[in-house]
Amino acid sequence: MINKRRSRRRYNEEAVELNITAFLNLMVILIPFLLITAVFSKLAILELNLPGTNAGENLSQPPGLSLELAIGMRSFDFQETSTGFSRRFERNEGDEDWQAFSSFLVEIKALYPEEESITLLLEPGIPYKTLINVMDRVKSSEVYVEGEQQFISLFPVISISDAGEFISESIEQQKKTLEEGGVIQ
């Protein structure tokens, strides 16, 4: 009986060795794998100008180009309020003609090189992705000069508003044009 007690003491007194090699092997494989597959994101901040609450703010500014772009479900409608100029680009979701859109913006910028602002008028229900695509193309464009690719700044000062009045005015204007036998651009 004494021998059994002594053997139990010896058994309990023996140090148990902790085997962590399998764990270390797992970490050696797992850490580089996680670092390689990690997505490193870049944050981009775009400064927007929202319409002011005071109507008196605009009185101090000299009249100039007031370019508006209404983003609708079926079209992009450009309108310059001081001259009455307007242009429409028909669109289908996912099938926009971005090349013609950008070319038109480059033409406007060539006519008014000092102008830097544009107002985007959004129809309710416009997807966020469409808004971001339009903002990217309104802000800058890629052009080729003497076979060399260059990025030019178009209208970096972007204001955003609701298109409620603009869309209804545009529809009324189109109805009048059709009644008079005219052609809508």
Protein backbone atom coordinates (compact mmCIF):
# COMPACT_ATOMS: atom_id res chain seq x y z
CA MET A 1 0.00 0.00 0.00
CA ILE A 2 2.85 2.30 0.75
CA ASN A 3 4.28 1.59 -2.68
CA LYS A 4 1.04 2.64 -4.33
CA ARG A 5 1.04 5.96 -2.47
CA ARG A 6 4.65 6.64 -3.41
CA SER A 7 4.01 5.84 -7.05
CA ARG A 8 1.06 8.23 -7.13
CA ARG A 9 3.22 10.96 -5.66
CA ARG A 10 5.88 10.39 -8.27
CA TYR A 11 3.27 10.43 -10.99
CA ASN A 12 1.81 13.71 -9.72
CA GLU A 13 5.22 15.24 -9.18
CA GLU A 14 6.37 14.66 -12.74
CA ALA A 15 6.09 17.84 -14.80
CA VAL A 16 3.80 17.62 -17.77
CA GLU A 17 5.45 19.00 -20.88
CA LEU A 18 3.26 21.34 -22.96
CA ASN A 19 3.61 20.64 -26.67
CA ILE A 20 2.93 23.88 -28.61
CA THR A 21 4.75 23.05 -31.84
CA ALA A 22 1.52 22.21 -33.64
CA PHE A 23 0.05 25.56 -32.55
CA LEU A 24 3.17 27.47 -33.64
CA ASN A 25 3.13 25.71 -37.02
CA LEU A 26 -0.47 26.79 -37.48
CA MET A 27 0.39 30.43 -36.63
CA VAL A 28 3.38 30.45 -39.00
CA ILE A 29 1.04 29.48 -41.84
CA LEU A 30 -2.03 31.47 -40.79
CA ILE A 31 -0.50 34.92 -40.15
CA PRO A 32 1.13 35.37 -43.60
CA PHE A 33 -2.03 34.04 -45.26
CA LEU A 34 -4.21 36.57 -43.44
CA LEU A 35 -1.82 39.42 -44.22
CA ILE A 36 -1.73 38.56 -47.91
CA THR A 37 -5.50 38.25 -48.27
CA ALA A 38 -6.35 41.33 -46.21
CA VAL A 39 -8.02 44.14 -48.13
CA PHE A 40 -6.37 47.46 -47.50
CA SER A 41 -8.87 50.19 -48.30
CA LYS A 42 -8.19 53.79 -49.18
CA LEU A 43 -10.62 56.36 -47.90
CA ALA A 44 -11.57 59.12 -50.29
CA ILE A 45 -13.31 62.24 -49.10
CA LEU A 46 -15.24 64.41 -51.51
CA GLU A 47 -16.29 67.84 -50.35
CA LEU A 48 -19.84 68.73 -51.36
CA ASN A 49 -21.67 72.04 -51.17
CA LEU A 50 -25.27 71.81 -50.10
CA PRO A 51 -27.70 74.60 -51.00
CA GLY A 52 -27.79 77.39 -48.42
CA THR A 53 -30.83 78.24 -46.35
CA ASN A 54 -30.55 82.00 -46.97
CA ALA A 55 -31.62 83.32 -50.34
CA GLY A 56 -29.53 86.45 -49.61
CA GLU A 57 -26.30 84.48 -49.90
CA ASN A 58 -26.54 84.40 -53.69
CA LEU A 59 -27.08 88.16 -54.05
CA SER A 60 -23.41 88.96 -53.45
CA GLN A 61 -22.22 86.61 -56.20
CA PRO A 62 -21.98 87.98 -59.74
CA PRO A 63 -24.20 86.27 -62.31
CA GLY A 64 -22.35 83.69 -64.38
CA LEU A 65 -22.73 80.19 -65.66
CA SER A 66 -25.27 78.26 -63.62
CA LEU A 67 -24.96 74.70 -64.85
CA GLU A 68 -27.41 72.11 -63.56
CA LEU A 69 -27.49 68.39 -64.24
CA ALA A 70 -30.71 66.56 -63.43
CA ILE A 71 -30.10 62.86 -62.88
CA GLY A 72 -33.28 61.02 -63.75
CA MET A 73 -34.16 57.36 -64.11
CA ARG A 74 -34.30 57.63 -67.92
CA SER A 75 -32.00 60.54 -68.73
CA PHE A 76 -29.32 63.02 -67.76
CA ASP A 77 -30.61 66.54 -68.42
CA PHE A 78 -28.15 69.45 -68.59
CA GLN A 79 -29.53 72.95 -68.26
CA GLU A 80 -27.84 76.33 -68.05
CA THR A 81 -30.32 78.62 -66.32
CA SER A 82 -29.00 82.02 -67.43
CA THR A 83 -28.91 81.23 -71.18
CA GLY A 84 -31.68 78.62 -71.29
CA PHE A 85 -29.41 76.06 -72.95
CA SER A 86 -30.38 72.44 -72.38
CA ARG A 87 -29.22 69.01 -73.53
CA ARG A 88 -30.51 65.52 -72.77
CA PHE A 89 -28.67 62.21 -72.68
CA GLU A 90 -30.96 59.18 -72.66
CA ARG A 91 -29.88 56.40 -70.34
CA ASN A 92 -30.71 52.86 -69.38
CA GLU A 93 -29.57 51.55 -66.02
CA GLY A 94 -26.08 50.13 -66.50
CA ASP A 95 -25.89 51.19 -70.16
CA GLU A 96 -24.95 54.87 -69.98
CA ASP A 97 -22.93 56.51 -72.75
CA TRP A 98 -20.20 57.88 -70.49
CA GLN A 99 -17.94 58.80 -73.42
CA ALA A 100 -20.52 61.22 -74.90
CA PHE A 101 -21.35 62.48 -71.42
CA SER A 102 -17.69 63.29 -70.66
CA SER A 103 -17.10 64.79 -74.12
CA PHE A 104 -20.02 67.15 -73.61
CA LEU A 105 -18.65 68.25 -70.24
CA VAL A 106 -15.23 68.88 -71.82
CA GLU A 107 -16.90 71.05 -74.48
CA ILE A 108 -18.70 73.11 -71.82
CA LYS A 109 -15.45 73.49 -69.88
CA ALA A 110 -13.72 74.72 -73.06
CA LEU A 111 -16.43 77.39 -73.47
CA TYR A 112 -16.32 78.42 -69.80
CA PRO A 113 -12.79 77.62 -68.53
CA GLU A 114 -13.15 79.71 -65.36
CA GLU A 115 -16.33 77.96 -64.20
CA GLU A 116 -15.82 75.27 -61.57
CA SER A 117 -19.27 74.59 -60.13
CA ILE A 118 -22.19 72.40 -61.10
CA THR A 119 -25.42 71.49 -59.33
CA LEU A 120 -26.61 67.89 -59.43
CA LEU A 121 -30.37 67.56 -59.16
CA LEU A 122 -31.40 64.07 -58.09
CA GLU A 123 -34.69 62.42 -58.91
CA PRO A 124 -35.95 60.28 -56.00
CA GLY A 125 -34.83 56.66 -56.22
CA ILE A 126 -31.53 57.23 -58.04
CA PRO A 127 -29.04 54.52 -56.97
CA TYR A 128 -26.02 55.67 -54.99
CA LYS A 129 -23.68 54.02 -57.51
CA THR A 130 -25.13 56.16 -60.32
CA LEU A 131 -24.61 59.32 -58.26
CA ILE A 132 -20.97 58.41 -57.59
CA ASN A 133 -20.34 57.60 -61.28
CA VAL A 134 -21.80 60.96 -62.33
CA MET A 135 -19.81 62.82 -59.68
CA ASP A 136 -16.57 61.17 -60.81
CA ARG A 137 -17.18 62.16 -64.43
CA VAL A 138 -18.31 65.70 -63.59
CA LYS A 139 -15.28 66.33 -61.42
CA SER A 140 -12.59 65.34 -63.95
CA SER A 141 -12.15 63.69 -67.32
CA GLU A 142 -9.44 61.87 -69.19
CA VAL A 143 -8.45 63.41 -72.53
CA TYR A 144 -5.75 62.62 -75.05
CA VAL A 145 -3.51 65.47 -76.14
CA GLU A 146 -0.99 64.61 -78.87
CA GLY A 147 -1.43 60.92 -78.09
CA GLU A 148 -0.74 61.43 -74.39
CA GLN A 149 -3.35 60.71 -71.73
CA GLN A 150 -4.10 63.61 -69.39
CA PHE A 151 -6.68 64.20 -66.68
CA ILE A 152 -8.34 67.60 -66.66
CA SER A 153 -10.39 69.13 -63.90
CA LEU A 154 -13.91 69.96 -65.08
CA PHE A 155 -16.31 71.02 -62.33
CA PRO A 156 -14.81 70.09 -58.93
CA VAL A 157 -17.27 72.21 -56.90
CA ILE A 158 -20.36 70.00 -56.74
CA SER A 159 -23.68 70.92 -55.14
CA ILE A 160 -26.47 68.42 -54.64
CA SER A 161 -30.19 69.14 -54.53
CA ASP A 162 -33.59 67.59 -55.14
CA ALA A 163 -34.77 67.52 -58.77
CA GLY A 164 -38.49 67.90 -58.07
CA GLU A 165 -39.03 71.27 -59.79
CA PHE A 166 -36.46 70.71 -62.51
CA ILE A 167 -37.95 67.42 -63.70
CA SER A 168 -41.51 68.80 -63.78
CA GLU A 169 -40.34 71.98 -65.62
CA SER A 170 -38.42 69.85 -68.11
CA ILE A 171 -41.49 67.69 -68.81
CA GLU A 172 -43.70 70.77 -69.28
CA GLN A 173 -41.12 72.32 -71.63
CA GLN A 174 -40.99 69.11 -73.70
CA LYS A 175 -44.80 69.01 -73.96
CA LYS A 176 -44.85 72.60 -75.24
CA THR A 177 -42.14 71.82 -77.76
CA LEU A 178 -44.05 68.79 -79.05
CA GLU A 179 -47.32 70.77 -79.24
CA GLU A 180 -45.57 73.43 -81.33
CA GLY A 181 -44.27 70.74 -83.68
CA GLY A 182 -40.66 71.06 -82.53
CA VAL A 183 -38.07 68.39 -81.92
CA ILE A 184 -36.74 67.55 -78.48
CA GLN A 185 -32.97 67.20 -78.25
